[in-house]
Amino acid sequence: MRKQLITAAILAAFAGAPQFASAADDAKKNMTGTEMKAATVSATLDLDTKQIGLIVGGQSGEGVLHYQGKDYPFHLKGLRVGAIIGLTKSSATGEVRALNKLEDFEGNYSAIAVGAAVGKGADASSFQNNKGVVISLKQKTSGLALDLGVTAAEIKFKK
């Protein structure tokens, strides 16, 4: 019974995960690491998140996109599936690449995550959305967690 519940939770998480967008989303080819580094920085951002999980984890946060001399507040809601145990808070700064117009920032982002935090830690990660926009984050994390899994997040501007 327990095994069936875990399997159902994982399948439900993937079914609802934002990164599995429909073909109508005009998904672009994922950039390689080399292409990401070569792409011009279009904007920067600041982000604060909280994550909790046991196999399936939830993540939420708020941030500010700094684009063309203006600040745009946004919300982030995410989901992680894999070997996830713990509770963390993170503060991050990041660079945004391949952002050609403001509307392209909103969307569904995905990445594969590997990390651990005991007390305080730092890491770097990159995410790409269904419109080709890439976010590279440098995070400072506090809490206790082990994380190995798939991350999907949806970013929307605050209204």
C-alpha atoms as a PDB file:
ATOM      1  CA  MET A   1       0.000   0.000   0.000  1.00  0.00           C
ATOM      2  CA  ARG A   2       2.774   2.454   0.941  1.00  0.00           C
ATOM      3  CA  LYS A   3       4.603   1.728  -2.314  1.00  0.00           C
ATOM      4  CA  GLN A   4       1.398   2.424  -4.272  1.00  0.00           C
ATOM      5  CA  LEU A   5       0.924   5.768  -2.474  1.00  0.00           C
ATOM      6  CA  ILE A   6       4.496   6.838  -3.220  1.00  0.00           C
ATOM      7  CA  THR A   7       4.140   5.830  -6.872  1.00  0.00           C
ATOM      8  CA  ALA A   8       0.827   7.691  -7.121  1.00  0.00           C
ATOM      9  CA  ALA A   9       2.354  10.812  -5.542  1.00  0.00           C
ATOM     10  CA  ILE A  10       5.264  10.795  -7.987  1.00  0.00           C
ATOM     11  CA  LEU A  11       2.970  10.285 -10.983  1.00  0.00           C
ATOM     12  CA  ALA A  12       0.642  13.033  -9.767  1.00  0.00           C
ATOM     13  CA  ALA A  13       3.605  15.345  -9.308  1.00  0.00           C
ATOM     14  CA  PHE A  14       4.826  14.723 -12.839  1.00  0.00           C
ATOM     15  CA  ALA A  15       1.320  15.106 -14.259  1.00  0.00           C
ATOM     16  CA  GLY A  16       1.008  18.503 -12.613  1.00  0.00           C
ATOM     17  CA  ALA A  17       4.597  19.613 -13.113  1.00  0.00           C
ATOM     18  CA  PRO A  18       4.812  22.893 -15.018  1.00  0.00           C
ATOM     19  CA  GLN A  19       7.724  21.812 -17.196  1.00  0.00           C
ATOM     20  CA  PHE A  20       5.550  19.367 -19.094  1.00  0.00           C
ATOM     21  CA  ALA A  21       3.898  22.058 -21.158  1.00  0.00           C
ATOM     22  CA  SER A  22       1.941  21.337 -24.302  1.00  0.00           C
ATOM     23  CA  ALA A  23       3.422  21.568 -27.769  1.00  0.00           C
ATOM     24  CA  ALA A  24       1.495  24.809 -28.210  1.00  0.00           C
ATOM     25  CA  ASP A  25       3.985  26.516 -25.850  1.00  0.00           C
ATOM     26  CA  ASP A  26       6.496  27.011 -28.683  1.00  0.00           C
ATOM     27  CA  ALA A  27       9.170  25.119 -26.744  1.00  0.00           C
ATOM     28  CA  LYS A  28      12.695  25.874 -27.919  1.00  0.00           C
ATOM     29  CA  LYS A  29      15.771  23.646 -27.995  1.00  0.00           C
ATOM     30  CA  ASN A  30      17.562  23.412 -24.656  1.00  0.00           C
ATOM     31  CA  MET A  31      20.872  25.282 -24.608  1.00  0.00           C
ATOM     32  CA  THR A  32      24.043  23.400 -23.862  1.00  0.00           C
ATOM     33  CA  GLY A  33      26.294  24.594 -21.030  1.00  0.00           C
ATOM     34  CA  THR A  34      28.626  26.212 -23.563  1.00  0.00           C
ATOM     35  CA  GLU A  35      25.751  28.009 -25.300  1.00  0.00           C
ATOM     36  CA  MET A  36      24.481  29.270 -21.914  1.00  0.00           C
ATOM     37  CA  LYS A  37      27.866  30.762 -21.014  1.00  0.00           C
ATOM     38  CA  ALA A  38      28.197  32.392 -24.442  1.00  0.00           C
ATOM     39  CA  ALA A  39      24.716  33.954 -24.435  1.00  0.00           C
ATOM     40  CA  THR A  40      24.504  37.650 -23.552  1.00  0.00           C
ATOM     41  CA  VAL A  41      23.083  38.551 -20.141  1.00  0.00           C
ATOM     42  CA  SER A  42      19.707  40.244 -20.757  1.00  0.00           C
ATOM     43  CA  ALA A  43      18.700  40.900 -17.140  1.00  0.00           C
ATOM     44  CA  THR A  44      19.471  40.055 -13.517  1.00  0.00           C
ATOM     45  CA  LEU A  45      17.266  38.927 -10.660  1.00  0.00           C
ATOM     46  CA  ASP A  46      17.044  38.467  -6.905  1.00  0.00           C
ATOM     47  CA  LEU A  47      15.060  35.560  -5.466  1.00  0.00           C
ATOM     48  CA  ASP A  48      14.094  34.207  -2.034  1.00  0.00           C
ATOM     49  CA  THR A  49      12.633  30.698  -1.807  1.00  0.00           C
ATOM     50  CA  LYS A  50      11.491  28.096   0.703  1.00  0.00           C
ATOM     51  CA  GLN A  51      11.491  24.373   0.020  1.00  0.00           C
ATOM     52  CA  ILE A  52      10.145  21.423   1.960  1.00  0.00           C
ATOM     53  CA  GLY A  53      10.063  17.832   0.877  1.00  0.00           C
ATOM     54  CA  LEU A  54       9.978  14.123   1.472  1.00  0.00           C
ATOM     55  CA  ILE A  55      10.308  12.374  -1.934  1.00  0.00           C
ATOM     56  CA  VAL A  56       8.033  15.021  -3.508  1.00  0.00           C
ATOM     57  CA  GLY A  57       8.865  18.584  -2.528  1.00  0.00           C
ATOM     58  CA  GLY A  58       7.235  21.934  -2.866  1.00  0.00           C
ATOM     59  CA  GLN A  59       8.991  25.216  -3.448  1.00  0.00           C
ATOM     60  CA  SER A  60       7.712  28.778  -3.378  1.00  0.00           C
ATOM     61  CA  GLY A  61       9.343  32.142  -3.595  1.00  0.00           C
ATOM     62  CA  GLU A  62       9.298  35.756  -4.584  1.00  0.00           C
ATOM     63  CA  GLY A  63      11.764  37.741  -6.576  1.00  0.00           C
ATOM     64  CA  VAL A  64      12.479  40.807  -8.634  1.00  0.00           C
ATOM     65  CA  LEU A  65      13.577  40.823 -12.269  1.00  0.00           C
ATOM     66  CA  HIS A  66      15.829  43.772 -13.167  1.00  0.00           C
ATOM     67  CA  TYR A  67      15.279  44.327 -16.910  1.00  0.00           C
ATOM     68  CA  GLN A  68      16.037  47.388 -19.053  1.00  0.00           C
ATOM     69  CA  GLY A  69      16.293  49.728 -16.053  1.00  0.00           C
ATOM     70  CA  LYS A  70      13.010  48.631 -14.440  1.00  0.00           C
ATOM     71  CA  ASP A  71      12.112  46.201 -11.631  1.00  0.00           C
ATOM     72  CA  TYR A  72       9.430  43.556 -12.113  1.00  0.00           C
ATOM     73  CA  PRO A  73       8.300  41.599  -9.007  1.00  0.00           C
ATOM     74  CA  PHE A  74       7.372  37.948  -9.592  1.00  0.00           C
ATOM     75  CA  HIS A  75       6.158  34.776  -7.829  1.00  0.00           C
ATOM     76  CA  LEU A  76       7.702  31.339  -8.197  1.00  0.00           C
ATOM     77  CA  LYS A  77       5.909  28.060  -7.451  1.00  0.00           C
ATOM     78  CA  GLY A  78       7.729  24.833  -7.974  1.00  0.00           C
ATOM     79  CA  LEU A  79       7.818  21.119  -7.555  1.00  0.00           C
ATOM     80  CA  ARG A  80      10.697  18.721  -7.039  1.00  0.00           C
ATOM     81  CA  VAL A  81      10.501  14.975  -7.461  1.00  0.00           C
ATOM     82  CA  GLY A  82      13.242  12.532  -6.477  1.00  0.00           C
ATOM     83  CA  ALA A  83      15.322  11.879  -3.375  1.00  0.00           C
ATOM     84  CA  ILE A  84      14.317  14.967  -1.412  1.00  0.00           C
ATOM     85  CA  ILE A  85      14.353  15.189   2.360  1.00  0.00           C
ATOM     86  CA  GLY A  86      14.395  18.375   4.389  1.00  0.00           C
ATOM     87  CA  LEU A  87      13.480  22.026   4.773  1.00  0.00           C
ATOM     88  CA  THR A  88      15.544  24.910   3.414  1.00  0.00           C
ATOM     89  CA  LYS A  89      15.400  28.643   2.783  1.00  0.00           C
ATOM     90  CA  SER A  90      17.436  30.123  -0.044  1.00  0.00           C
ATOM     91  CA  SER A  91      18.447  33.568  -1.164  1.00  0.00           C
ATOM     92  CA  ALA A  92      19.733  33.840  -4.714  1.00  0.00           C
ATOM     93  CA  THR A  93      20.992  36.261  -7.314  1.00  0.00           C
ATOM     94  CA  GLY A  94      20.977  35.392 -10.965  1.00  0.00           C
ATOM     95  CA  GLU A  95      21.626  36.255 -14.563  1.00  0.00           C
ATOM     96  CA  VAL A  96      18.963  35.923 -17.235  1.00  0.00           C
ATOM     97  CA  ARG A  97      19.981  35.075 -20.791  1.00  0.00           C
ATOM     98  CA  ALA A  98      18.063  34.867 -24.096  1.00  0.00           C
ATOM     99  CA  LEU A  99      15.351  37.221 -22.807  1.00  0.00           C
ATOM    100  CA  ASN A 100      14.280  39.087 -25.942  1.00  0.00           C
ATOM    101  CA  LYS A 101      11.043  40.533 -24.564  1.00  0.00           C
ATOM    102  CA  LEU A 102       9.624  40.863 -21.067  1.00  0.00           C
ATOM    103  CA  GLU A 103       6.729  38.458 -21.711  1.00  0.00           C
ATOM    104  CA  ASP A 104       9.191  35.603 -22.336  1.00  0.00           C
ATOM    105  CA  PHE A 105      10.343  35.656 -18.689  1.00  0.00           C
ATOM    106  CA  GLU A 106       7.064  34.223 -17.420  1.00  0.00           C
ATOM    107  CA  GLY A 107       6.786  30.532 -18.010  1.00  0.00           C
ATOM    108  CA  ASN A 108       7.614  27.024 -16.995  1.00  0.00           C
ATOM    109  CA  TYR A 109      11.237  26.340 -16.042  1.00  0.00           C
ATOM    110  CA  SER A 110      12.922  23.003 -15.481  1.00  0.00           C
ATOM    111  CA  ALA A 111      16.275  21.583 -14.416  1.00  0.00           C
ATOM    112  CA  ILE A 112      17.878  18.582 -12.790  1.00  0.00           C
ATOM    113  CA  ALA A 113      18.968  19.411  -9.255  1.00  0.00           C
ATOM    114  CA  VAL A 114      21.636  17.889  -7.036  1.00  0.00           C
ATOM    115  CA  GLY A 115      22.461  19.457  -3.722  1.00  0.00           C
ATOM    116  CA  ALA A 116      22.828  19.187   0.027  1.00  0.00           C
ATOM    117  CA  ALA A 117      22.554  21.653   2.863  1.00  0.00           C
ATOM    118  CA  VAL A 118      23.549  21.201   6.475  1.00  0.00           C
ATOM    119  CA  GLY A 119      23.235  24.485   8.325  1.00  0.00           C
ATOM    120  CA  LYS A 120      24.406  26.866   5.607  1.00  0.00           C
ATOM    121  CA  GLY A 121      25.611  26.230   2.085  1.00  0.00           C
ATOM    122  CA  ALA A 122      25.930  27.667  -1.402  1.00  0.00           C
ATOM    123  CA  ASP A 123      25.377  26.299  -4.874  1.00  0.00           C
ATOM    124  CA  ALA A 124      24.768  27.298  -8.467  1.00  0.00           C
ATOM    125  CA  SER A 125      22.110  26.067 -10.868  1.00  0.00           C
ATOM    126  CA  SER A 126      20.614  26.858 -14.260  1.00  0.00           C
ATOM    127  CA  PHE A 127      17.038  26.613 -15.466  1.00  0.00           C
ATOM    128  CA  GLN A 128      15.489  27.025 -18.891  1.00  0.00           C
ATOM    129  CA  ASN A 129      11.880  27.803 -19.684  1.00  0.00           C
ATOM    130  CA  ASN A 130       9.635  26.728 -22.527  1.00  0.00           C
ATOM    131  CA  LYS A 131      10.478  29.965 -24.401  1.00  0.00           C
ATOM    132  CA  GLY A 132      14.256  29.462 -24.371  1.00  0.00           C
ATOM    133  CA  VAL A 133      15.004  31.897 -21.507  1.00  0.00           C
ATOM    134  CA  VAL A 134      17.805  30.705 -19.208  1.00  0.00           C
ATOM    135  CA  ILE A 135      18.260  31.677 -15.551  1.00  0.00           C
ATOM    136  CA  SER A 136      21.617  30.984 -13.866  1.00  0.00           C
ATOM    137  CA  LEU A 137      21.383  31.259 -10.069  1.00  0.00           C
ATOM    138  CA  LYS A 138      23.926  31.534  -7.286  1.00  0.00           C
ATOM    139  CA  GLN A 139      22.194  30.510  -4.079  1.00  0.00           C
ATOM    140  CA  LYS A 140      22.918  30.760  -0.376  1.00  0.00           C
ATOM    141  CA  THR A 141      20.942  28.112   1.489  1.00  0.00           C
ATOM    142  CA  SER A 142      20.184  27.516   5.142  1.00  0.00           C
ATOM    143  CA  GLY A 143      18.448  24.511   6.654  1.00  0.00           C
ATOM    144  CA  LEU A 144      18.883  20.773   6.413  1.00  0.00           C
ATOM    145  CA  ALA A 145      18.212  18.920   3.178  1.00  0.00           C
ATOM    146  CA  LEU A 146      19.354  16.311   0.671  1.00  0.00           C
ATOM    147  CA  ASP A 147      18.169  16.901  -2.869  1.00  0.00           C
ATOM    148  CA  LEU A 148      18.555  14.797  -6.010  1.00  0.00           C
ATOM    149  CA  GLY A 149      15.769  15.104  -8.522  1.00  0.00           C
ATOM    150  CA  VAL A 150      13.884  16.922 -11.227  1.00  0.00           C
ATOM    151  CA  THR A 151      12.824  20.506 -10.603  1.00  0.00           C
ATOM    152  CA  ALA A 152       9.959  22.280 -12.320  1.00  0.00           C
ATOM    153  CA  ALA A 153       8.880  25.814 -11.519  1.00  0.00           C
ATOM    154  CA  GLU A 154       6.392  28.318 -12.837  1.00  0.00           C
ATOM    155  CA  ILE A 155       7.199  32.025 -12.766  1.00  0.00           C
ATOM    156  CA  LYS A 156       4.505  34.691 -13.064  1.00  0.00           C
ATOM    157  CA  PHE A 157       4.697  38.437 -12.611  1.00  0.00           C
ATOM    158  CA  LYS A 158       2.843  39.902  -9.650  1.00  0.00           C
ATOM    159  CA  LYS A 159      -0.272  41.776 -10.698  1.00  0.00           C
END
